């Protein structure tokens, strides 16, 4: 079973998104969450996650800083990373598109259509 890590400082967003993903998982993936980049890095040192949904606008360690710290670690296998944000700044979207560790940019909130597209892309 695949493992998804949601990284976001918004606890309500984490709860709702975790619920939506769990409801649609069809036993194909498990959902875990971290409310900070630091917590996520600690989790990644102990567990492998197949997918990371990473918020870019977090206090203390931003999503971009997380990616820098993550890239400095040695991992046998890299997860597929999605940047998630409600930003409308085209520079942030472009930065995500050009980042070597980022698969794609997902605009918040994560909807059922986004999850369906994710499942069709990675689980069919």
PDB file of N, CA and C in Angstrom:
ATOM      1  N   UNK A   1       0.833  -1.175   0.000  1.00  0.00           N
ATOM      2  CA  UNK A   1       0.000   0.000   0.000  1.00  0.00           C
ATOM      3  C   UNK A   1       0.885   1.248   0.000  1.00  0.00           C
ATOM      4  N   UNK A   2       0.539   2.195  -0.841  1.00  0.00           N
ATOM      5  CA  UNK A   2       1.295   3.442  -0.940  1.00  0.00           C
ATOM      6  C   UNK A   2       0.992   4.341   0.256  1.00  0.00           C
ATOM      7  N   UNK A   3       1.952   5.233   0.555  1.00  0.00           N
ATOM      8  CA  UNK A   3       1.792   6.149   1.680  1.00  0.00           C
ATOM      9  C   UNK A   3       1.909   7.588   1.199  1.00  0.00           C
ATOM     10  N   UNK A   4       0.946   8.410   1.657  1.00  0.00           N
ATOM     11  CA  UNK A   4       0.910   9.833   1.321  1.00  0.00           C
ATOM     12  C   UNK A   4       1.173  10.631   2.590  1.00  0.00           C
ATOM     13  N   UNK A   5       2.045  11.636   2.476  1.00  0.00           N
ATOM     14  CA  UNK A   5       2.303  12.557   3.585  1.00  0.00           C
ATOM     15  C   UNK A   5       1.803  13.941   3.194  1.00  0.00           C
ATOM     16  N   UNK A   6       0.844  14.456   3.972  1.00  0.00           N
ATOM     17  CA  UNK A   6       0.373  15.828   3.807  1.00  0.00           C
ATOM     18  C   UNK A   6       1.162  16.712   4.759  1.00  0.00           C
ATOM     19  N   UNK A   7       1.734  17.796   4.251  1.00  0.00           N
ATOM     20  CA  UNK A   7       2.508  18.719   5.085  1.00  0.00           C
ATOM     21  C   UNK A   7       1.883  20.100   4.953  1.00  0.00           C
ATOM     22  N   UNK A   8       1.291  20.560   6.062  1.00  0.00           N
ATOM     23  CA  UNK A   8       0.601  21.850   6.034  1.00  0.00           C
ATOM     24  C   UNK A   8       0.417  22.334   7.468  1.00  0.00           C
ATOM     25  N   UNK A   9       0.557  23.627   7.683  1.00  0.00           N
ATOM     26  CA  UNK A   9       0.376  24.176   9.024  1.00  0.00           C
ATOM     27  C   UNK A   9      -1.088  24.450   9.367  1.00  0.00           C
ATOM     28  N   UNK A  10      -1.983  24.338   8.400  1.00  0.00           N
ATOM     29  CA  UNK A  10      -3.409  24.573   8.613  1.00  0.00           C
ATOM     30  C   UNK A  10      -4.066  23.265   9.057  1.00  0.00           C
ATOM     31  N   UNK A  11      -4.359  23.163  10.348  1.00  0.00           N
ATOM     32  CA  UNK A  11      -4.887  21.921  10.911  1.00  0.00           C
ATOM     33  C   UNK A  11      -6.253  21.553  10.356  1.00  0.00           C
ATOM     34  N   UNK A  12      -7.077  22.544  10.063  1.00  0.00           N
ATOM     35  CA  UNK A  12      -8.393  22.264   9.478  1.00  0.00           C
ATOM     36  C   UNK A  12      -8.230  21.700   8.071  1.00  0.00           C
ATOM     37  N   UNK A  13      -7.341  22.302   7.289  1.00  0.00           N
ATOM     38  CA  UNK A  13      -7.053  21.796   5.941  1.00  0.00           C
ATOM     39  C   UNK A  13      -6.540  20.357   6.019  1.00  0.00           C
ATOM     40  N   UNK A  14      -5.623  20.083   6.948  1.00  0.00           N
ATOM     41  CA  UNK A  14      -5.099  18.722   7.099  1.00  0.00           C
ATOM     42  C   UNK A  14      -6.210  17.727   7.409  1.00  0.00           C
ATOM     43  N   UNK A  15      -7.087  18.095   8.317  1.00  0.00           N
ATOM     44  CA  UNK A  15      -8.170  17.190   8.706  1.00  0.00           C
ATOM     45  C   UNK A  15      -9.119  16.921   7.542  1.00  0.00           C
ATOM     46  N   UNK A  16      -9.527  17.967   6.853  1.00  0.00           N
ATOM     47  CA  UNK A  16     -10.459  17.821   5.728  1.00  0.00           C
ATOM     48  C   UNK A  16      -9.814  17.033   4.591  1.00  0.00           C
ATOM     49  N   UNK A  17      -8.590  17.389   4.234  1.00  0.00           N
ATOM     50  CA  UNK A  17      -7.911  16.715   3.123  1.00  0.00           C
ATOM     51  C   UNK A  17      -7.621  15.259   3.462  1.00  0.00           C
ATOM     52  N   UNK A  18      -7.229  14.993   4.699  1.00  0.00           N
ATOM     53  CA  UNK A  18      -7.012  13.612   5.128  1.00  0.00           C
ATOM     54  C   UNK A  18      -8.308  12.821   4.994  1.00  0.00           C
ATOM     55  N   UNK A  19      -9.406  13.402   5.414  1.00  0.00           N
ATOM     56  CA  UNK A  19     -10.707  12.733   5.319  1.00  0.00           C
ATOM     57  C   UNK A  19     -11.075  12.442   3.859  1.00  0.00           C
ATOM     58  N   UNK A  20     -10.914  13.441   2.992  1.00  0.00           N
ATOM     59  CA  UNK A  20     -11.255  13.265   1.578  1.00  0.00           C
ATOM     60  C   UNK A  20     -10.382  12.182   0.944  1.00  0.00           C
ATOM     61  N   UNK A  21      -9.089  12.220   1.224  1.00  0.00           N
ATOM     62  CA  UNK A  21      -8.190  11.213   0.651  1.00  0.00           C
ATOM     63  C   UNK A  21      -8.497   9.817   1.190  1.00  0.00           C
ATOM     64  N   UNK A  22      -8.719   9.702   2.496  1.00  0.00           N
ATOM     65  CA  UNK A  22      -9.045   8.395   3.078  1.00  0.00           C
ATOM     66  C   UNK A  22     -10.337   7.833   2.504  1.00  0.00           C
ATOM     67  N   UNK A  23     -11.318   8.693   2.316  1.00  0.00           N
ATOM     68  CA  UNK A  23     -12.613   8.275   1.785  1.00  0.00           C
ATOM     69  C   UNK A  23     -12.478   7.732   0.359  1.00  0.00           C
ATOM     70  N   UNK A  24     -11.538   8.255  -0.390  1.00  0.00           N
ATOM     71  CA  UNK A  24     -11.388   7.856  -1.789  1.00  0.00           C
ATOM     72  C   UNK A  24     -10.247   6.869  -2.028  1.00  0.00           C
ATOM     73  N   UNK A  25      -9.613   6.394  -0.969  1.00  0.00           N
ATOM     74  CA  UNK A  25      -8.389   5.599  -1.132  1.00  0.00           C
ATOM     75  C   UNK A  25      -8.595   4.223  -1.746  1.00  0.00           C
ATOM     76  N   UNK A  26      -9.770   3.623  -1.541  1.00  0.00           N
ATOM     77  CA  UNK A  26     -10.032   2.270  -2.046  1.00  0.00           C
ATOM     78  C   UNK A  26      -8.910   1.312  -1.643  1.00  0.00           C
ATOM     79  N   UNK A  27      -8.379   1.508  -0.452  1.00  0.00           N
ATOM     80  CA  UNK A  27      -7.287   0.684   0.089  1.00  0.00           C
ATOM     81  C   UNK A  27      -6.029   0.692  -0.778  1.00  0.00           C
ATOM     82  N   UNK A  28      -5.834   1.751  -1.546  1.00  0.00           N
ATOM     83  CA  UNK A  28      -4.637   1.868  -2.383  1.00  0.00           C
ATOM     84  C   UNK A  28      -3.557   2.699  -1.706  1.00  0.00           C
ATOM     85  N   UNK A  29      -3.935   3.519  -0.721  1.00  0.00           N
ATOM     86  CA  UNK A  29      -2.955   4.339  -0.028  1.00  0.00           C
ATOM     87  C   UNK A  29      -3.410   4.665   1.388  1.00  0.00           C
ATOM     88  N   UNK A  30      -2.412   4.983   2.216  1.00  0.00           N
ATOM     89  CA  UNK A  30      -2.639   5.442   3.585  1.00  0.00           C
ATOM     90  C   UNK A  30      -2.211   6.900   3.651  1.00  0.00           C
ATOM     91  N   UNK A  31      -2.911   7.675   4.455  1.00  0.00           N
ATOM     92  CA  UNK A  31      -2.639   9.104   4.549  1.00  0.00           C
ATOM     93  C   UNK A  31      -2.094   9.448   5.932  1.00  0.00           C
ATOM     94  N   UNK A  32      -0.983  10.171   5.939  1.00  0.00           N
ATOM     95  CA  UNK A  32      -0.351  10.652   7.168  1.00  0.00           C
ATOM     96  C   UNK A  32      -0.253  12.166   7.052  1.00  0.00           C
ATOM     97  N   UNK A  33      -0.111  12.842   8.182  1.00  0.00           N
ATOM     98  CA  UNK A  33      -0.009  14.297   8.116  1.00  0.00           C
ATOM     99  C   UNK A  33       1.042  14.817   9.081  1.00  0.00           C
ATOM    100  N   UNK A  34       1.588  15.970   8.709  1.00  0.00           N
ATOM    101  CA  UNK A  34       2.550  16.699   9.535  1.00  0.00           C
ATOM    102  C   UNK A  34       2.139  18.158   9.503  1.00  0.00           C
ATOM    103  N   UNK A  35       2.098  18.784  10.685  1.00  0.00           N
ATOM    104  CA  UNK A  35       1.659  20.174  10.742  1.00  0.00           C
ATOM    105  C   UNK A  35       2.800  21.180  10.638  1.00  0.00           C
ATOM    106  N   UNK A  36       3.991  20.678  10.327  1.00  0.00           N
ATOM    107  CA  UNK A  36       5.133  21.569  10.096  1.00  0.00           C
ATOM    108  C   UNK A  36       6.154  20.842   9.223  1.00  0.00           C
ATOM    109  N   UNK A  37       6.999  21.621   8.600  1.00  0.00           N
ATOM    110  CA  UNK A  37       8.061  21.038   7.784  1.00  0.00           C
ATOM    111  C   UNK A  37       9.035  20.250   8.648  1.00  0.00           C
ATOM    112  N   UNK A  38       9.306  20.752   9.840  1.00  0.00           N
ATOM    113  CA  UNK A  38      10.219  20.064  10.751  1.00  0.00           C
ATOM    114  C   UNK A  38       9.680  18.683  11.124  1.00  0.00           C
ATOM    115  N   UNK A  39       8.408  18.599  11.454  1.00  0.00           N
ATOM    116  CA  UNK A  39       7.785  17.315  11.776  1.00  0.00           C
ATOM    117  C   UNK A  39       7.858  16.380  10.571  1.00  0.00           C
ATOM    118  N   UNK A  40       7.605  16.916   9.386  1.00  0.00           N
ATOM    119  CA  UNK A  40       7.666  16.099   8.171  1.00  0.00           C
ATOM    120  C   UNK A  40       9.072  15.542   7.949  1.00  0.00           C
ATOM    121  N   UNK A  41      10.080  16.362   8.146  1.00  0.00           N
ATOM    122  CA  UNK A  41      11.461  15.888   7.978  1.00  0.00           C
ATOM    123  C   UNK A  41      11.785  14.775   8.970  1.00  0.00           C
ATOM    124  N   UNK A  42      11.301  14.910  10.199  1.00  0.00           N
ATOM    125  CA  UNK A  42      11.506  13.859  11.193  1.00  0.00           C
ATOM    126  C   UNK A  42      10.802  12.569  10.771  1.00  0.00           C
ATOM    127  N   UNK A  43       9.590  12.692  10.254  1.00  0.00           N
ATOM    128  CA  UNK A  43       8.849  11.518   9.795  1.00  0.00           C
ATOM    129  C   UNK A  43       9.562  10.841   8.634  1.00  0.00           C
ATOM    130  N   UNK A  44      10.140  11.640   7.741  1.00  0.00           N
ATOM    131  CA  UNK A  44      10.840  11.096   6.575  1.00  0.00           C
ATOM    132  C   UNK A  44      12.138  10.396   6.959  1.00  0.00           C
ATOM    133  N   UNK A  45      12.707  10.758   8.088  1.00  0.00           N
ATOM    134  CA  UNK A  45      13.912  10.067   8.556  1.00  0.00           C
ATOM    135  C   UNK A  45      13.598   8.668   9.077  1.00  0.00           C
ATOM    136  N   UNK A  46      12.331   8.430   9.419  1.00  0.00           N
ATOM    137  CA  UNK A  46      11.926   7.134   9.980  1.00  0.00           C
ATOM    138  C   UNK A  46      11.102   6.294   9.023  1.00  0.00           C
ATOM    139  N   UNK A  47      10.449   6.921   8.042  1.00  0.00           N
ATOM    140  CA  UNK A  47       9.521   6.223   7.146  1.00  0.00           C
ATOM    141  C   UNK A  47       9.709   6.687   5.717  1.00  0.00           C
ATOM    142  N   UNK A  48       9.340   5.801   4.785  1.00  0.00           N
ATOM    143  CA  UNK A  48       9.310   6.194   3.382  1.00  0.00           C
ATOM    144  C   UNK A  48       7.874   6.530   3.006  1.00  0.00           C
ATOM    145  N   UNK A  49       7.694   7.624   2.302  1.00  0.00           N
ATOM    146  CA  UNK A  49       6.394   8.003   1.769  1.00  0.00           C
ATOM    147  C   UNK A  49       6.506   8.059   0.256  1.00  0.00           C
ATOM    148  N   UNK A  50       5.510   7.540  -0.419  1.00  0.00           N
ATOM    149  CA  UNK A  50       5.510   7.524  -1.883  1.00  0.00           C
ATOM    150  C   UNK A  50       5.191   8.888  -2.467  1.00  0.00           C
ATOM    151  N   UNK A  51       4.336   9.630  -1.753  1.00  0.00           N
ATOM    152  CA  UNK A  51       3.878  10.938  -2.229  1.00  0.00           C
ATOM    153  C   UNK A  51       3.895  11.936  -1.077  1.00  0.00           C
ATOM    154  N   UNK A  52       4.270  13.176  -1.399  1.00  0.00           N
ATOM    155  CA  UNK A  52       4.210  14.266  -0.423  1.00  0.00           C
ATOM    156  C   UNK A  52       3.423  15.403  -1.054  1.00  0.00           C
ATOM    157  N   UNK A  53       2.401  15.870  -0.332  1.00  0.00           N
ATOM    158  CA  UNK A  53       1.658  17.060  -0.710  1.00  0.00           C
ATOM    159  C   UNK A  53       2.137  18.153   0.237  1.00  0.00           C
ATOM    160  N   UNK A  54       2.886  19.111  -0.294  1.00  0.00           N
ATOM    161  CA  UNK A  54       3.634  20.069   0.513  1.00  0.00           C
ATOM    162  C   UNK A  54       3.142  21.497   0.328  1.00  0.00           C
ATOM    163  N   UNK A  55       2.685  22.090   1.423  1.00  0.00           N
ATOM    164  CA  UNK A  55       2.299  23.500   1.397  1.00  0.00           C
ATOM    165  C   UNK A  55       3.565  24.350   1.321  1.00  0.00           C
ATOM    166  N   UNK A  56       3.524  25.430   0.569  1.00  0.00           N
ATOM    167  CA  UNK A  56       4.722  26.270   0.478  1.00  0.00           C
ATOM    168  C   UNK A  56       4.734  27.391   1.507  1.00  0.00           C
ATOM    169  N   UNK A  57       3.553  27.813   1.951  1.00  0.00           N
ATOM    170  CA  UNK A  57       3.470  28.952   2.873  1.00  0.00           C
ATOM    171  C   UNK A  57       3.266  28.470   4.309  1.00  0.00           C
ATOM    172  N   UNK A  58       4.364  28.115   4.968  1.00  0.00           N
ATOM    173  CA  UNK A  58       4.317  27.677   6.358  1.00  0.00           C
ATOM    174  C   UNK A  58       5.288  28.519   7.174  1.00  0.00           C
ATOM    175  N   UNK A  59       4.968  28.733   8.446  1.00  0.00           N
ATOM    176  CA  UNK A  59       5.880  29.497   9.297  1.00  0.00           C
ATOM    177  C   UNK A  59       7.133  28.682   9.652  1.00  0.00           C
ATOM    178  N   UNK A  60       8.149  29.339  10.058  1.00  0.00           N
ATOM    179  CA  UNK A  60       9.434  28.796  10.491  1.00  0.00           C
ATOM    180  C   UNK A  60      10.191  28.168   9.321  1.00  0.00           C
ATOM    181  N   UNK A  61       9.709  27.051   8.780  1.00  0.00           N
ATOM    182  CA  UNK A  61      10.339  26.427   7.613  1.00  0.00           C
ATOM    183  C   UNK A  61       9.290  26.369   6.505  1.00  0.00           C
ATOM    184  N   UNK A  62       9.504  27.121   5.442  1.00  0.00           N
ATOM    185  CA  UNK A  62       8.548  27.133   4.322  1.00  0.00           C
ATOM    186  C   UNK A  62       8.687  25.840   3.521  1.00  0.00           C
ATOM    187  N   UNK A  63       7.760  25.645   2.617  1.00  0.00           N
ATOM    188  CA  UNK A  63       7.850  24.494   1.728  1.00  0.00           C
ATOM    189  C   UNK A  63       9.117  24.512   0.894  1.00  0.00           C
ATOM    190  N   UNK A  64       9.522  25.697   0.454  1.00  0.00           N
ATOM    191  CA  UNK A  64      10.746  25.811  -0.347  1.00  0.00           C
ATOM    192  C   UNK A  64      11.978  25.462   0.502  1.00  0.00           C
ATOM    193  N   UNK A  65      11.996  25.927   1.748  1.00  0.00           N
ATOM    194  CA  UNK A  65      13.113  25.584   2.648  1.00  0.00           C
ATOM    195  C   UNK A  65      13.104  24.083   2.965  1.00  0.00           C
ATOM    196  N   UNK A  66      11.910  23.517   3.112  1.00  0.00           N
ATOM    197  CA  UNK A  66      11.786  22.072   3.311  1.00  0.00           C
ATOM    198  C   UNK A  66      12.462  21.326   2.161  1.00  0.00           C
ATOM    199  N   UNK A  67      12.171  21.732   0.929  1.00  0.00           N
ATOM    200  CA  UNK A  67      12.756  21.063  -0.236  1.00  0.00           C
ATOM    201  C   UNK A  67      14.283  21.144  -0.219  1.00  0.00           C
ATOM    202  N   UNK A  68      14.820  22.288   0.201  1.00  0.00           N
ATOM    203  CA  UNK A  68      16.275  22.433   0.298  1.00  0.00           C
ATOM    204  C   UNK A  68      16.828  21.466   1.343  1.00  0.00           C
ATOM    205  N   UNK A  69      16.221  21.439   2.531  1.00  0.00           N
ATOM    206  CA  UNK A  69      16.676  20.527   3.590  1.00  0.00           C
ATOM    207  C   UNK A  69      16.496  19.063   3.179  1.00  0.00           C
ATOM    208  N   UNK A  70      15.392  18.777   2.531  1.00  0.00           N
ATOM    209  CA  UNK A  70      15.109  17.415   2.067  1.00  0.00           C
ATOM    210  C   UNK A  70      16.172  16.964   1.057  1.00  0.00           C
ATOM    211  N   UNK A  71      16.546  17.869   0.155  1.00  0.00           N
ATOM    212  CA  UNK A  71      17.508  17.514  -0.890  1.00  0.00           C
ATOM    213  C   UNK A  71      18.913  17.281  -0.326  1.00  0.00           C
ATOM    214  N   UNK A  72      19.187  17.795   0.858  1.00  0.00           N
ATOM    215  CA  UNK A  72      20.495  17.606   1.490  1.00  0.00           C
ATOM    216  C   UNK A  72      20.620  16.250   2.171  1.00  0.00           C
ATOM    217  N   UNK A  73      19.505  15.549   2.323  1.00  0.00           N
ATOM    218  CA  UNK A  73      19.507  14.220   2.943  1.00  0.00           C
ATOM    219  C   UNK A  73      19.765  13.154   1.879  1.00  0.00           C
ATOM    220  N   UNK A  74      20.192  12.005   2.322  1.00  0.00           N
ATOM    221  CA  UNK A  74      20.429  10.883   1.416  1.00  0.00           C
ATOM    222  C   UNK A  74      19.295   9.874   1.565  1.00  0.00           C
ATOM    223  N   UNK A  75      18.510   9.692   0.519  1.00  0.00           N
ATOM    224  CA  UNK A  75      17.408   8.742   0.523  1.00  0.00           C
ATOM    225  C   UNK A  75      17.622   7.753  -0.611  1.00  0.00           C
ATOM    226  N   UNK A  76      17.258   6.500  -0.363  1.00  0.00           N
ATOM    227  CA  UNK A  76      17.391   5.474  -1.402  1.00  0.00           C
ATOM    228  C   UNK A  76      16.432   5.708  -2.549  1.00  0.00           C
ATOM    229  N   UNK A  77      15.251   6.183  -2.220  1.00  0.00           N
ATOM    230  CA  UNK A  77      14.221   6.398  -3.221  1.00  0.00           C
ATOM    231  C   UNK A  77      13.519   7.709  -2.892  1.00  0.00           C
ATOM    232  N   UNK A  78      13.250   8.508  -3.901  1.00  0.00           N
ATOM    233  CA  UNK A  78      12.609   9.807  -3.683  1.00  0.00           C
ATOM    234  C   UNK A  78      11.100   9.699  -3.903  1.00  0.00           C
ATOM    235  N   UNK A  79      10.326  10.378  -3.058  1.00  0.00           N
ATOM    236  CA  UNK A  79       8.881  10.394  -3.263  1.00  0.00           C
ATOM    237  C   UNK A  79       8.501  11.354  -4.383  1.00  0.00           C
ATOM    238  N   UNK A  80       7.279  11.227  -4.844  1.00  0.00           N
ATOM    239  CA  UNK A  80       6.716  12.189  -5.779  1.00  0.00           C
ATOM    240  C   UNK A  80       6.165  13.342  -4.947  1.00  0.00           C
ATOM    241  N   UNK A  81       6.636  14.555  -5.219  1.00  0.00           N
ATOM    242  CA  UNK A  81       6.268  15.715  -4.406  1.00  0.00           C
ATOM    243  C   UNK A  81       5.385  16.662  -5.211  1.00  0.00           C
ATOM    244  N   UNK A  82       4.277  17.041  -4.580  1.00  0.00           N
ATOM    245  CA  UNK A  82       3.362  18.025  -5.143  1.00  0.00           C
ATOM    246  C   UNK A  82       3.385  19.251  -4.240  1.00  0.00           C
ATOM    247  N   UNK A  83       3.541  20.411  -4.842  1.00  0.00           N
ATOM    248  CA  UNK A  83       3.424  21.661  -4.100  1.00  0.00           C
ATOM    249  C   UNK A  83       1.944  22.012  -4.053  1.00  0.00           C
ATOM    250  N   UNK A  84       1.454  22.333  -2.844  1.00  0.00           N
ATOM    251  CA  UNK A  84       0.062  22.753  -2.705  1.00  0.00           C
ATOM    252  C   UNK A  84       0.030  24.170  -2.145  1.00  0.00           C
ATOM    253  N   UNK A  85      -0.831  24.975  -2.715  1.00  0.00           N
ATOM    254  CA  UNK A  85      -0.936  26.351  -2.238  1.00  0.00           C
ATOM    255  C   UNK A  85      -2.201  26.987  -2.776  1.00  0.00           C
ATOM    256  N   UNK A  86      -2.657  27.985  -2.064  1.00  0.00           N
ATOM    257  CA  UNK A  86      -3.792  28.776  -2.547  1.00  0.00           C
ATOM    258  C   UNK A  86      -3.302  30.070  -3.193  1.00  0.00           C
ATOM    259  N   UNK A  87      -2.007  30.179  -3.393  1.00  0.00           N
ATOM    260  CA  UNK A  87      -1.438  31.393  -3.983  1.00  0.00           C
ATOM    261  C   UNK A  87      -1.908  31.586  -5.423  1.00  0.00           C
ATOM    262  N   UNK A  88      -2.019  32.837  -5.791  1.00  0.00           N
ATOM    263  CA  UNK A  88      -2.321  33.152  -7.185  1.00  0.00           C
ATOM    264  C   UNK A  88      -1.092  33.757  -7.872  1.00  0.00           C
ATOM    265  N   UNK A  89       0.026  33.754  -7.156  1.00  0.00           N
ATOM    266  CA  UNK A  89       1.265  34.328  -7.672  1.00  0.00           C
ATOM    267  C   UNK A  89       1.843  33.413  -8.757  1.00  0.00           C
ATOM    268  N   UNK A  90       1.880  33.882  -9.994  1.00  0.00           N
ATOM    269  CA  UNK A  90       2.403  33.049 -11.078  1.00  0.00           C
ATOM    270  C   UNK A  90       3.885  32.677 -10.884  1.00  0.00           C
ATOM    271  N   UNK A  91       4.631  33.502 -10.142  1.00  0.00           N
ATOM    272  CA  UNK A  91       6.045  33.196  -9.897  1.00  0.00           C
ATOM    273  C   UNK A  91       6.186  31.929  -9.054  1.00  0.00           C
ATOM    274  N   UNK A  92       5.287  31.746  -8.071  1.00  0.00           N
ATOM    275  CA  UNK A  92       5.329  30.542  -7.228  1.00  0.00           C
ATOM    276  C   UNK A  92       5.013  29.303  -8.056  1.00  0.00           C
ATOM    277  N   UNK A  93       4.022  29.417  -8.935  1.00  0.00           N
ATOM    278  CA  UNK A  93       3.651  28.285  -9.792  1.00  0.00           C
ATOM    279  C   UNK A  93       4.798  27.929 -10.736  1.00  0.00           C
ATOM    280  N   UNK A  94       5.431  28.944 -11.284  1.00  0.00           N
ATOM    281  CA  UNK A  94       6.571  28.724 -12.182  1.00  0.00           C
ATOM    282  C   UNK A  94       7.740  28.098 -11.426  1.00  0.00           C
ATOM    283  N   UNK A  95       7.985  28.573 -10.224  1.00  0.00           N
ATOM    284  CA  UNK A  95       9.061  28.014  -9.399  1.00  0.00           C
ATOM    285  C   UNK A  95       8.808  26.525  -9.137  1.00  0.00           C
ATOM    286  N   UNK A  96       7.569  26.168  -8.863  1.00  0.00           N
ATOM    287  CA  UNK A  96       7.217  24.758  -8.640  1.00  0.00           C
ATOM    288  C   UNK A  96       7.437  23.945  -9.912  1.00  0.00           C
ATOM    289  N   UNK A  97       7.009  24.480 -11.048  1.00  0.00           N
ATOM    290  CA  UNK A  97       7.169  23.768 -12.328  1.00  0.00           C
ATOM    291  C   UNK A  97       8.638  23.518 -12.667  1.00  0.00           C
ATOM    292  N   UNK A  98       9.500  24.419 -12.239  1.00  0.00           N
ATOM    293  CA  UNK A  98      10.921  24.315 -12.588  1.00  0.00           C
ATOM    294  C   UNK A  98      11.776  23.621 -11.537  1.00  0.00           C
ATOM    295  N   UNK A  99      11.202  23.300 -10.391  1.00  0.00           N
ATOM    296  CA  UNK A  99      11.982  22.678  -9.321  1.00  0.00           C
ATOM    297  C   UNK A  99      12.192  21.196  -9.625  1.00  0.00           C
ATOM    298  N   UNK A 100      13.429  20.739  -9.511  1.00  0.00           N
ATOM    299  CA  UNK A 100      13.762  19.366  -9.884  1.00  0.00           C
ATOM    300  C   UNK A 100      13.083  18.305  -9.021  1.00  0.00           C
ATOM    301  N   UNK A 101      12.720  18.621  -7.789  1.00  0.00           N
ATOM    302  CA  UNK A 101      12.092  17.635  -6.911  1.00  0.00           C
ATOM    303  C   UNK A 101      10.562  17.633  -6.987  1.00  0.00           C
ATOM    304  N   UNK A 102       9.999  18.643  -7.629  1.00  0.00           N
ATOM    305  CA  UNK A 102       8.550  18.819  -7.628  1.00  0.00           C
ATOM    306  C   UNK A 102       7.926  18.246  -8.898  1.00  0.00           C
ATOM    307  N   UNK A 103       6.929  17.396  -8.691  1.00  0.00           N
ATOM    308  CA  UNK A 103       6.197  16.825  -9.827  1.00  0.00           C
ATOM    309  C   UNK A 103       5.265  17.869 -10.440  1.00  0.00           C
ATOM    310  N   UNK A 104       4.476  18.531  -9.584  1.00  0.00           N
ATOM    311  CA  UNK A 104       3.556  19.539 -10.099  1.00  0.00           C
ATOM    312  C   UNK A 104       3.001  20.411  -8.972  1.00  0.00           C
ATOM    313  N   UNK A 105       2.322  21.447  -9.383  1.00  0.00           N
ATOM    314  CA  UNK A 105       1.687  22.399  -8.484  1.00  0.00           C
ATOM    315  C   UNK A 105       0.201  22.076  -8.418  1.00  0.00           C
ATOM    316  N   UNK A 106      -0.350  21.995  -7.204  1.00  0.00           N
ATOM    317  CA  UNK A 106      -1.786  21.755  -7.022  1.00  0.00           C
ATOM    318  C   UNK A 106      -2.360  22.936  -6.259  1.00  0.00           C
ATOM    319  N   UNK A 107      -3.366  23.543  -6.852  1.00  0.00           N
ATOM    320  CA  UNK A 107      -4.005  24.684  -6.203  1.00  0.00           C
ATOM    321  C   UNK A 107      -5.001  24.193  -5.154  1.00  0.00           C
ATOM    322  N   UNK A 108      -4.911  24.790  -3.957  1.00  0.00           N
ATOM    323  CA  UNK A 108      -5.841  24.455  -2.878  1.00  0.00           C
ATOM    324  C   UNK A 108      -7.184  25.119  -3.130  1.00  0.00           C
ATOM    325  N   UNK A 109      -8.228  24.523  -2.632  1.00  0.00           N
ATOM    326  CA  UNK A 109      -8.264  23.268  -1.874  1.00  0.00           C
ATOM    327  C   UNK A 109      -8.183  22.067  -2.810  1.00  0.00           C
ATOM    328  N   UNK A 110      -7.753  20.953  -2.257  1.00  0.00           N
ATOM    329  CA  UNK A 110      -7.719  19.713  -3.027  1.00  0.00           C
ATOM    330  C   UNK A 110      -9.151  19.211  -3.150  1.00  0.00           C
ATOM    331  N   UNK A 111      -9.599  19.086  -4.377  1.00  0.00           N
ATOM    332  CA  UNK A 111     -10.985  18.696  -4.641  1.00  0.00           C
ATOM    333  C   UNK A 111     -11.064  17.222  -5.044  1.00  0.00           C
ATOM    334  N   UNK A 112     -12.278  16.735  -5.138  1.00  0.00           N
ATOM    335  CA  UNK A 112     -12.482  15.354  -5.585  1.00  0.00           C
ATOM    336  C   UNK A 112     -11.933  15.136  -6.998  1.00  0.00           C
ATOM    337  N   UNK A 113     -12.047  16.151  -7.867  1.00  0.00           N
ATOM    338  CA  UNK A 113     -11.508  16.027  -9.225  1.00  0.00           C
ATOM    339  C   UNK A 113      -9.989  15.906  -9.217  1.00  0.00           C
ATOM    340  N   UNK A 114      -9.333  16.654  -8.343  1.00  0.00           N
ATOM    341  CA  UNK A 114      -7.873  16.563  -8.231  1.00  0.00           C
ATOM    342  C   UNK A 114      -7.479  15.168  -7.751  1.00  0.00           C
ATOM    343  N   UNK A 115      -8.208  14.652  -6.769  1.00  0.00           N
ATOM    344  CA  UNK A 115      -7.916  13.309  -6.252  1.00  0.00           C
ATOM    345  C   UNK A 115      -8.166  12.260  -7.320  1.00  0.00           C
ATOM    346  N   UNK A 116      -9.244  12.396  -8.066  1.00  0.00           N
ATOM    347  CA  UNK A 116      -9.537  11.454  -9.144  1.00  0.00           C
ATOM    348  C   UNK A 116      -8.412  11.456 -10.172  1.00  0.00           C
ATOM    349  N   UNK A 117      -7.951  12.635 -10.563  1.00  0.00           N
ATOM    350  CA  UNK A 117      -6.845  12.751 -11.510  1.00  0.00           C
ATOM    351  C   UNK A 117      -5.571  12.121 -10.938  1.00  0.00           C
ATOM    352  N   UNK A 118      -5.304  12.368  -9.672  1.00  0.00           N
ATOM    353  CA  UNK A 118      -4.144  11.778  -8.992  1.00  0.00           C
ATOM    354  C   UNK A 118      -4.222  10.249  -9.032  1.00  0.00           C
ATOM    355  N   UNK A 119      -5.370   9.696  -8.693  1.00  0.00           N
ATOM    356  CA  UNK A 119      -5.541   8.245  -8.677  1.00  0.00           C
ATOM    357  C   UNK A 119      -5.404   7.643 -10.074  1.00  0.00           C
ATOM    358  N   UNK A 120      -5.971   8.324 -11.077  1.00  0.00           N
ATOM    359  CA  UNK A 120      -5.873   7.820 -12.450  1.00  0.00           C
ATOM    360  C   UNK A 120      -4.436   7.852 -12.945  1.00  0.00           C
ATOM    361  N   UNK A 121      -3.692   8.854 -12.539  1.00  0.00           N
ATOM    362  CA  UNK A 121      -2.303   8.982 -12.982  1.00  0.00           C
ATOM    363  C   UNK A 121      -1.386   7.970 -12.292  1.00  0.00           C
ATOM    364  N   UNK A 122      -1.562   7.750 -10.994  1.00  0.00           N
ATOM    365  CA  UNK A 122      -0.601   6.964 -10.236  1.00  0.00           C
ATOM    366  C   UNK A 122      -1.073   5.582  -9.813  1.00  0.00           C
ATOM    367  N   UNK A 123      -2.350   5.274 -10.004  1.00  0.00           N
ATOM    368  CA  UNK A 123      -2.854   3.987  -9.529  1.00  0.00           C
ATOM    369  C   UNK A 123      -3.564   3.170 -10.596  1.00  0.00           C
ATOM    370  N   UNK A 124      -3.481   3.552 -11.849  1.00  0.00           N
ATOM    371  CA  UNK A 124      -4.074   2.772 -12.941  1.00  0.00           C
ATOM    372  C   UNK A 124      -3.022   2.218 -13.854  1.00  0.00           C
TER     373      UNK A 124
END
